[in-house]
Amino acid sequence: MYRVVVSSPASRVKTEAALEQQGKLRQGLMGVTLSALRPGGKAQFGEEILDVISQGEMVPKGTPVRIIGSSGTEALVEVVKEGPQ
């Protein structure tokens, strides 16, 4: 029992570091919302379906989005505007 309690913080640090690294690797990926974001929901990026959160706005299902960061286990997304940027 002691071993489980003692190793928990070290394991959590590794998990948080892995999540942070994974979030950085996903930054810039383009996808489409599978559900309405209110502001949280689901979006698909290639073969991967992720929990995502918008910057506070409601986003309709089927909207193109881009990953701009992460918040815990969720990817932070913005709506992709059409046309030149």
C-alpha atoms as a PDB file:
ATOM      1  CA  MET A   1       0.000   0.000   0.000  1.00  0.00           C
ATOM      2  CA  TYR A   2       2.805   2.450   0.858  1.00  0.00           C
ATOM      3  CA  ARG A   3       4.438   1.917  -2.538  1.00  0.00           C
ATOM      4  CA  VAL A   4       1.231   2.870  -4.353  1.00  0.00           C
ATOM      5  CA  VAL A   5       0.843   6.080  -2.330  1.00  0.00           C
ATOM      6  CA  VAL A   6       4.488   7.095  -2.701  1.00  0.00           C
ATOM      7  CA  SER A   7       4.738   6.419  -6.428  1.00  0.00           C
ATOM      8  CA  SER A   8       1.499   8.262  -7.216  1.00  0.00           C
ATOM      9  CA  PRO A   9       2.966  11.802  -7.390  1.00  0.00           C
ATOM     10  CA  ALA A  10       5.867  10.703  -9.592  1.00  0.00           C
ATOM     11  CA  SER A  11       3.469   8.892 -11.918  1.00  0.00           C
ATOM     12  CA  ARG A  12       1.195  11.931 -12.073  1.00  0.00           C
ATOM     13  CA  VAL A  13       4.132  14.177 -13.031  1.00  0.00           C
ATOM     14  CA  LYS A  14       5.027  11.833 -15.905  1.00  0.00           C
ATOM     15  CA  THR A  15       1.409  11.744 -17.044  1.00  0.00           C
ATOM     16  CA  GLU A  16       1.106  15.548 -16.968  1.00  0.00           C
ATOM     17  CA  ALA A  17       4.372  15.905 -18.887  1.00  0.00           C
ATOM     18  CA  ALA A  18       3.170  13.400 -21.504  1.00  0.00           C
ATOM     19  CA  LEU A  19      -0.152  15.255 -21.880  1.00  0.00           C
ATOM     20  CA  GLU A  20       1.667  18.568 -22.280  1.00  0.00           C
ATOM     21  CA  GLN A  21       3.985  17.116 -24.935  1.00  0.00           C
ATOM     22  CA  GLN A  22       1.059  15.512 -26.779  1.00  0.00           C
ATOM     23  CA  GLY A  23      -0.785  18.856 -26.730  1.00  0.00           C
ATOM     24  CA  LYS A  24       2.219  20.630 -28.268  1.00  0.00           C
ATOM     25  CA  LEU A  25       2.478  18.022 -31.027  1.00  0.00           C
ATOM     26  CA  ARG A  26      -1.208  18.454 -31.912  1.00  0.00           C
ATOM     27  CA  GLN A  27      -1.030  22.245 -32.085  1.00  0.00           C
ATOM     28  CA  GLY A  28      -1.980  23.486 -35.559  1.00  0.00           C
ATOM     29  CA  LEU A  29      -3.892  20.341 -36.574  1.00  0.00           C
ATOM     30  CA  MET A  30      -7.059  21.035 -38.547  1.00  0.00           C
ATOM     31  CA  GLY A  31     -10.246  19.091 -38.012  1.00  0.00           C
ATOM     32  CA  VAL A  32     -14.026  19.312 -37.900  1.00  0.00           C
ATOM     33  CA  THR A  33     -16.455  19.352 -34.989  1.00  0.00           C
ATOM     34  CA  LEU A  34     -18.492  16.158 -34.535  1.00  0.00           C
ATOM     35  CA  SER A  35     -20.816  17.823 -32.041  1.00  0.00           C
ATOM     36  CA  ALA A  36     -21.785  21.386 -31.227  1.00  0.00           C
ATOM     37  CA  LEU A  37     -19.201  22.965 -28.906  1.00  0.00           C
ATOM     38  CA  ARG A  38     -20.974  24.588 -25.936  1.00  0.00           C
ATOM     39  CA  PRO A  39     -18.073  25.394 -25.452  1.00  0.00           C
ATOM     40  CA  GLY A  40     -16.900  21.765 -25.019  1.00  0.00           C
ATOM     41  CA  GLY A  41     -17.555  18.842 -27.336  1.00  0.00           C
ATOM     42  CA  LYS A  42     -15.886  16.439 -29.787  1.00  0.00           C
ATOM     43  CA  ALA A  43     -13.913  17.017 -32.969  1.00  0.00           C
ATOM     44  CA  GLN A  44     -12.131  14.740 -35.421  1.00  0.00           C
ATOM     45  CA  PHE A  45      -8.546  15.332 -36.558  1.00  0.00           C
ATOM     46  CA  GLY A  46      -7.637  12.746 -39.181  1.00  0.00           C
ATOM     47  CA  GLU A  47      -8.386   9.359 -37.593  1.00  0.00           C
ATOM     48  CA  GLU A  48      -8.367  10.757 -34.046  1.00  0.00           C
ATOM     49  CA  ILE A  49     -11.458  11.969 -32.157  1.00  0.00           C
ATOM     50  CA  LEU A  50     -10.663  14.367 -29.318  1.00  0.00           C
ATOM     51  CA  ASP A  51     -12.453  16.171 -26.533  1.00  0.00           C
ATOM     52  CA  VAL A  52     -12.157  19.846 -27.428  1.00  0.00           C
ATOM     53  CA  ILE A  53     -13.142  23.202 -26.010  1.00  0.00           C
ATOM     54  CA  SER A  54     -13.654  26.483 -27.845  1.00  0.00           C
ATOM     55  CA  GLN A  55     -12.562  29.862 -26.496  1.00  0.00           C
ATOM     56  CA  GLY A  56     -15.998  30.329 -24.960  1.00  0.00           C
ATOM     57  CA  GLU A  57     -18.139  30.667 -28.055  1.00  0.00           C
ATOM     58  CA  MET A  58     -20.744  28.213 -29.273  1.00  0.00           C
ATOM     59  CA  VAL A  59     -19.555  26.361 -32.400  1.00  0.00           C
ATOM     60  CA  PRO A  60     -21.979  24.373 -34.585  1.00  0.00           C
ATOM     61  CA  LYS A  61     -21.457  20.717 -35.544  1.00  0.00           C
ATOM     62  CA  GLY A  62     -19.504  20.331 -38.805  1.00  0.00           C
ATOM     63  CA  THR A  63     -17.420  23.494 -38.345  1.00  0.00           C
ATOM     64  CA  PRO A  64     -13.732  23.432 -39.364  1.00  0.00           C
ATOM     65  CA  VAL A  65     -11.451  24.050 -36.364  1.00  0.00           C
ATOM     66  CA  ARG A  66      -7.724  24.260 -35.591  1.00  0.00           C
ATOM     67  CA  ILE A  67      -5.981  23.214 -32.355  1.00  0.00           C
ATOM     68  CA  ILE A  68      -4.325  26.246 -30.759  1.00  0.00           C
ATOM     69  CA  GLY A  69      -3.428  24.788 -27.360  1.00  0.00           C
ATOM     70  CA  SER A  70      -4.580  22.496 -24.605  1.00  0.00           C
ATOM     71  CA  SER A  71      -6.412  22.750 -21.312  1.00  0.00           C
ATOM     72  CA  GLY A  72      -5.842  19.679 -19.200  1.00  0.00           C
ATOM     73  CA  THR A  73      -6.982  16.712 -21.260  1.00  0.00           C
ATOM     74  CA  GLU A  74      -8.948  18.816 -23.767  1.00  0.00           C
ATOM     75  CA  ALA A  75      -7.614  20.459 -26.920  1.00  0.00           C
ATOM     76  CA  LEU A  76      -8.303  24.195 -27.181  1.00  0.00           C
ATOM     77  CA  VAL A  77      -9.630  25.043 -30.670  1.00  0.00           C
ATOM     78  CA  GLU A  78     -10.504  28.049 -32.780  1.00  0.00           C
ATOM     79  CA  VAL A  79     -12.856  28.227 -35.743  1.00  0.00           C
ATOM     80  CA  VAL A  80     -11.043  28.203 -39.102  1.00  0.00           C
ATOM     81  CA  LYS A  81     -12.169  31.193 -41.107  1.00  0.00           C
ATOM     82  CA  GLU A  82     -12.438  30.677 -44.864  1.00  0.00           C
ATOM     83  CA  GLY A  83     -10.411  32.752 -47.297  1.00  0.00           C
ATOM     84  CA  PRO A  84      -6.889  34.247 -47.073  1.00  0.00           C
ATOM     85  CA  GLN A  85      -5.556  35.066 -43.630  1.00  0.00           C
END
